[in-house]
């Protein structure tokens, strides 16, 4: 956990532009890529077929700041120095930085203090993980553009001692997914009614499971699919 309050305070003016609105909740959405053709490479046979597909709000790409110096205290200091430089340069280049595992929050003096310093790929390394956040749309309509932008950015971050940066695969993120629950339920109701209508006016429909958890998965390079596991029964009225 980062304890240096002086550093956090000094960075406040640099990271303020990246903050999300207080009421926002940004969630990482990962894809389920399997060995299929391009048409359904994101399809998962276990997921519901009825739901809501919409454009994601952001691309998020993990940035790992590491050091493999021999002394643990030196490693931590080098990672902290490179983290500070990363935050400073990201603010200059209008690249937002966020942190977290599943639920992402903007880097602020408070969230910086909560960052976990762990081991990297080897026990004798120190690593901290953050994310670069870029909006879906405009010049960022493909993962390739995001990857190129972040690759160029990390190359500009100065090295301290034996510190270095690695990046991970680009995912999508969606803000406030629970706000789409009503739209998902409507999509289910509309599709169920369409099926029931095929059997004529003497048939009705019973839908079960709408109180279940809301799930979300990557649907395409820029879209997410939100769904609720449910089933419906068409039967005579």
Protein backbone atom coordinates (compact mmCIF):
# COMPACT_ATOMS: atom_id res chain seq x y z
CA UNK A 1 0.00 0.00 0.00
CA UNK A 2 1.38 3.39 -0.95
CA UNK A 3 1.86 5.38 2.24
CA UNK A 4 3.61 8.54 1.02
CA UNK A 5 1.00 11.24 1.59
CA UNK A 6 3.35 13.98 0.39
CA UNK A 7 3.66 12.31 -3.00
CA UNK A 8 -0.09 11.81 -3.24
CA UNK A 9 -0.79 15.45 -2.47
CA UNK A 10 1.74 16.64 -4.99
CA UNK A 11 0.07 14.56 -7.69
CA UNK A 12 -3.44 15.86 -7.03
CA UNK A 13 -3.33 18.59 -9.66
CA UNK A 14 -2.04 16.14 -12.25
CA UNK A 15 -4.66 13.46 -11.87
CA UNK A 16 -7.80 15.50 -11.26
CA UNK A 17 -8.77 15.58 -14.98
CA UNK A 18 -9.05 11.76 -15.04
CA UNK A 19 -11.66 11.51 -12.30
CA UNK A 20 -15.00 9.88 -13.00
CA UNK A 21 -18.17 11.54 -11.84
CA UNK A 22 -18.90 10.55 -8.26
CA UNK A 23 -21.97 8.53 -9.16
CA UNK A 24 -20.27 6.54 -11.94
CA UNK A 25 -19.25 2.92 -11.59
CA UNK A 26 -16.96 1.55 -14.27
CA UNK A 27 -16.75 -2.23 -14.66
CA UNK A 28 -14.26 -4.23 -16.72
CA UNK A 29 -15.92 -6.47 -19.32
CA UNK A 30 -13.85 -9.36 -20.64
CA UNK A 31 -14.54 -11.32 -23.78
CA UNK A 32 -14.97 -15.06 -24.12
CA UNK A 33 -12.87 -15.65 -27.20
CA UNK A 34 -12.90 -19.22 -28.46
CA UNK A 35 -11.74 -20.91 -31.65
CA UNK A 36 -14.59 -19.84 -33.90
CA UNK A 37 -14.89 -17.83 -37.08
CA UNK A 38 -15.03 -14.03 -36.93
CA UNK A 39 -18.82 -13.98 -36.95
CA UNK A 40 -19.28 -15.43 -33.47
CA UNK A 41 -15.81 -15.32 -31.89
CA UNK A 42 -17.26 -13.72 -28.74
CA UNK A 43 -20.19 -16.12 -28.37
CA UNK A 44 -20.45 -18.24 -25.24
CA UNK A 45 -22.82 -21.20 -25.42
CA UNK A 46 -23.60 -20.86 -21.69
CA UNK A 47 -24.94 -17.31 -21.91
CA UNK A 48 -28.50 -16.23 -22.55
CA UNK A 49 -29.32 -15.59 -26.19
CA UNK A 50 -31.63 -12.65 -25.37
CA UNK A 51 -30.31 -9.42 -23.94
CA UNK A 52 -29.05 -5.97 -24.82
CA UNK A 53 -26.05 -5.21 -27.00
CA UNK A 54 -24.58 -1.72 -26.78
CA UNK A 55 -21.34 0.13 -27.39
CA UNK A 56 -18.89 0.02 -24.49
CA UNK A 57 -17.90 3.28 -22.84
CA UNK A 58 -14.15 2.75 -22.69
CA UNK A 59 -11.20 0.67 -23.72
CA UNK A 60 -9.04 -0.24 -20.73
CA UNK A 61 -5.49 -1.53 -21.01
CA UNK A 62 -3.50 -2.75 -18.00
CA UNK A 63 -0.13 -1.12 -17.36
CA UNK A 64 2.30 -2.96 -15.09
CA UNK A 65 5.06 -0.88 -13.54
CA UNK A 66 7.92 -3.11 -12.36
CA UNK A 67 11.38 -3.12 -10.87
CA UNK A 68 13.80 -6.03 -10.52
CA UNK A 69 16.47 -4.33 -8.43
CA UNK A 70 17.96 -6.62 -5.81
CA UNK A 71 16.95 -4.65 -2.72
CA UNK A 72 13.15 -4.65 -1.97
CA UNK A 73 13.18 -1.06 -0.68
CA UNK A 74 14.96 0.13 -3.81
CA UNK A 75 12.52 -1.79 -6.01
CA UNK A 76 9.56 -0.13 -4.32
CA UNK A 77 11.12 3.33 -4.63
CA UNK A 78 11.83 2.77 -8.33
CA UNK A 79 8.28 1.58 -9.00
CA UNK A 80 6.90 4.61 -7.13
CA UNK A 81 9.09 7.00 -9.14
CA UNK A 82 7.99 5.46 -12.43
CA UNK A 83 4.36 5.52 -11.29
CA UNK A 84 4.64 9.25 -10.58
CA UNK A 85 6.16 9.84 -14.02
CA UNK A 86 3.42 7.77 -15.66
CA UNK A 87 0.69 9.78 -13.97
CA UNK A 88 2.35 13.09 -14.83
CA UNK A 89 2.82 12.22 -18.53
CA UNK A 90 -0.67 10.69 -18.86
CA UNK A 91 -2.20 13.97 -17.67
CA UNK A 92 -0.21 15.84 -20.31
CA UNK A 93 -1.34 13.47 -23.07
CA UNK A 94 -5.02 13.29 -21.98
CA UNK A 95 -4.78 9.59 -21.17
CA UNK A 96 -6.93 8.77 -18.16
CA UNK A 97 -5.55 6.34 -15.59
CA UNK A 98 -7.71 4.12 -13.39
CA UNK A 99 -7.07 1.31 -10.96
CA UNK A 100 -8.83 -1.71 -9.50
CA UNK A 101 -9.54 -5.32 -10.34
CA UNK A 102 -13.16 -5.66 -11.43
CA UNK A 103 -14.54 -2.26 -10.46
CA UNK A 104 -12.27 0.53 -11.72
CA UNK A 105 -11.86 3.92 -10.07
CA UNK A 106 -9.95 6.99 -11.19
CA UNK A 107 -6.48 7.51 -9.76
CA UNK A 108 -6.75 10.15 -7.06
CA UNK A 109 -4.56 10.84 -4.03
CA UNK A 110 -6.84 8.51 -2.06
CA UNK A 111 -6.82 5.63 -4.55
CA UNK A 112 -3.06 5.93 -5.10
CA UNK A 113 -2.59 5.24 -1.40
CA UNK A 114 -4.58 2.02 -1.82
CA UNK A 115 -2.53 0.60 -4.69
CA UNK A 116 -1.05 -2.79 -3.88
CA UNK A 117 2.63 -3.42 -4.50
CA UNK A 118 3.05 -7.11 -5.25
CA UNK A 119 5.46 -9.44 -6.99
CA UNK A 120 5.83 -9.53 -10.72
CA UNK A 121 6.55 -12.64 -12.76
CA UNK A 122 9.37 -13.51 -10.33
CA UNK A 123 9.55 -13.32 -6.52
CA UNK A 124 12.45 -10.84 -6.68
CA UNK A 125 10.44 -8.21 -8.59
CA UNK A 126 8.00 -5.56 -7.39
CA UNK A 127 4.97 -4.58 -9.46
CA UNK A 128 1.98 -2.27 -9.34
CA UNK A 129 -0.94 -2.47 -11.78
CA UNK A 130 -2.99 0.40 -13.18
CA UNK A 131 -5.07 0.84 -16.34
CA UNK A 132 -5.05 3.33 -19.19
CA UNK A 133 -8.61 4.34 -20.09
CA UNK A 134 -9.54 5.63 -23.54
CA UNK A 135 -13.10 6.32 -24.75
CA UNK A 136 -14.67 4.07 -27.37
CA UNK A 137 -15.37 6.21 -30.42
CA UNK A 138 -13.70 9.04 -32.28
CA UNK A 139 -10.23 7.88 -33.26
CA UNK A 140 -10.49 4.87 -30.96
CA UNK A 141 -12.83 2.56 -32.85
CA UNK A 142 -10.40 -0.38 -33.00
CA UNK A 143 -8.21 -2.12 -30.47
CA UNK A 144 -5.23 -1.61 -32.76
CA UNK A 145 -5.49 2.17 -32.36
CA UNK A 146 -5.63 1.85 -28.58
CA UNK A 147 -2.67 -0.52 -28.45
CA UNK A 148 -0.59 1.75 -30.66
CA UNK A 149 -1.42 4.84 -28.60
CA UNK A 150 -0.54 3.18 -25.29
CA UNK A 151 2.60 1.57 -26.72
CA UNK A 152 3.81 4.98 -27.86
CA UNK A 153 2.90 6.49 -24.48
CA UNK A 154 4.73 3.99 -22.27
CA UNK A 155 7.89 4.44 -24.30
CA UNK A 156 7.99 8.09 -23.18
CA UNK A 157 7.91 7.25 -19.46
CA UNK A 158 11.42 7.66 -18.01
CA UNK A 159 13.08 4.72 -16.34
CA UNK A 160 14.29 4.95 -12.74
CA UNK A 161 17.06 2.47 -11.94
CA UNK A 162 15.86 -0.97 -13.01
CA UNK A 163 12.19 -0.05 -13.41
CA UNK A 164 10.30 -0.99 -16.55
CA UNK A 165 6.75 -1.07 -17.93
CA UNK A 166 4.75 -3.93 -19.38
CA UNK A 167 1.21 -3.84 -20.78
CA UNK A 168 -1.55 -6.45 -20.99
CA UNK A 169 -4.42 -7.17 -23.33
CA UNK A 170 -7.01 -4.49 -24.01
CA UNK A 171 -10.51 -5.00 -22.58
CA UNK A 172 -13.73 -3.00 -22.60
CA UNK A 173 -15.39 -1.19 -19.71
CA UNK A 174 -18.97 -0.09 -19.18
CA UNK A 175 -20.22 2.60 -16.81
CA UNK A 176 -23.08 1.91 -14.42
CA UNK A 177 -24.16 -1.44 -15.92
CA UNK A 178 -27.07 -1.80 -13.50
CA UNK A 179 -28.70 1.23 -15.12
CA UNK A 180 -29.38 -0.99 -18.17
CA UNK A 181 -31.28 -3.66 -16.24
CA UNK A 182 -34.66 -2.26 -17.27
CA UNK A 183 -33.65 -2.23 -20.94
CA UNK A 184 -32.48 -5.84 -20.67
CA UNK A 185 -35.81 -6.90 -19.11
CA UNK A 186 -37.68 -5.07 -21.89
CA UNK A 187 -35.63 -6.87 -24.55
CA UNK A 188 -36.51 -10.19 -22.93
CA UNK A 189 -40.21 -9.28 -22.69
CA UNK A 190 -40.36 -8.10 -26.30
CA UNK A 191 -38.72 -11.26 -27.61
CA UNK A 192 -40.89 -13.51 -25.45
CA UNK A 193 -44.07 -11.78 -26.66
CA UNK A 194 -42.92 -12.16 -30.26
CA UNK A 195 -42.52 -15.90 -29.77
CA UNK A 196 -45.86 -16.23 -27.98
CA UNK A 197 -47.62 -14.40 -30.83
CA UNK A 198 -46.50 -17.13 -33.23
CA UNK A 199 -48.79 -19.57 -31.38
CA UNK A 200 -51.85 -17.34 -31.61
CA UNK A 201 -53.98 -15.32 -29.24
CA UNK A 202 -54.95 -18.36 -27.15
CA UNK A 203 -51.42 -18.64 -25.80
CA UNK A 204 -49.65 -16.63 -23.12
CA UNK A 205 -46.19 -16.58 -21.69
CA UNK A 206 -44.56 -16.99 -18.29
CA UNK A 207 -41.05 -15.60 -17.78
CA UNK A 208 -38.91 -16.82 -14.90
CA UNK A 209 -35.61 -15.61 -13.50
CA UNK A 210 -35.86 -11.86 -14.09
CA UNK A 211 -34.77 -11.26 -10.51
CA UNK A 212 -31.43 -12.94 -11.26
CA UNK A 213 -28.06 -11.24 -11.49
CA UNK A 214 -27.24 -8.98 -14.43
CA UNK A 215 -24.30 -10.30 -16.45
CA UNK A 216 -22.23 -8.59 -19.12
CA UNK A 217 -19.75 -9.93 -21.64
CA UNK A 218 -17.84 -8.63 -24.61
CA UNK A 219 -19.91 -8.96 -27.78
CA UNK A 220 -17.55 -7.48 -30.36
CA UNK A 221 -14.41 -5.40 -30.53
CA UNK A 222 -16.31 -2.37 -29.22
CA UNK A 223 -19.64 -3.72 -27.87
CA UNK A 224 -20.86 -5.43 -24.71
CA UNK A 225 -23.79 -7.79 -24.27
CA UNK A 226 -25.86 -7.47 -21.09
CA UNK A 227 -28.16 -10.31 -20.11
CA UNK A 228 -30.09 -11.99 -17.30
CA UNK A 229 -30.22 -15.77 -17.11
CA UNK A 230 -33.90 -16.58 -17.52
CA UNK A 231 -36.36 -18.91 -19.20
CA UNK A 232 -39.89 -18.55 -20.44
CA UNK A 233 -42.74 -20.95 -21.00
CA UNK A 234 -45.42 -20.52 -23.69
CA UNK A 235 -48.70 -22.17 -22.69
CA UNK A 236 -52.44 -21.89 -23.26
CA UNK A 237 -54.12 -19.06 -21.38
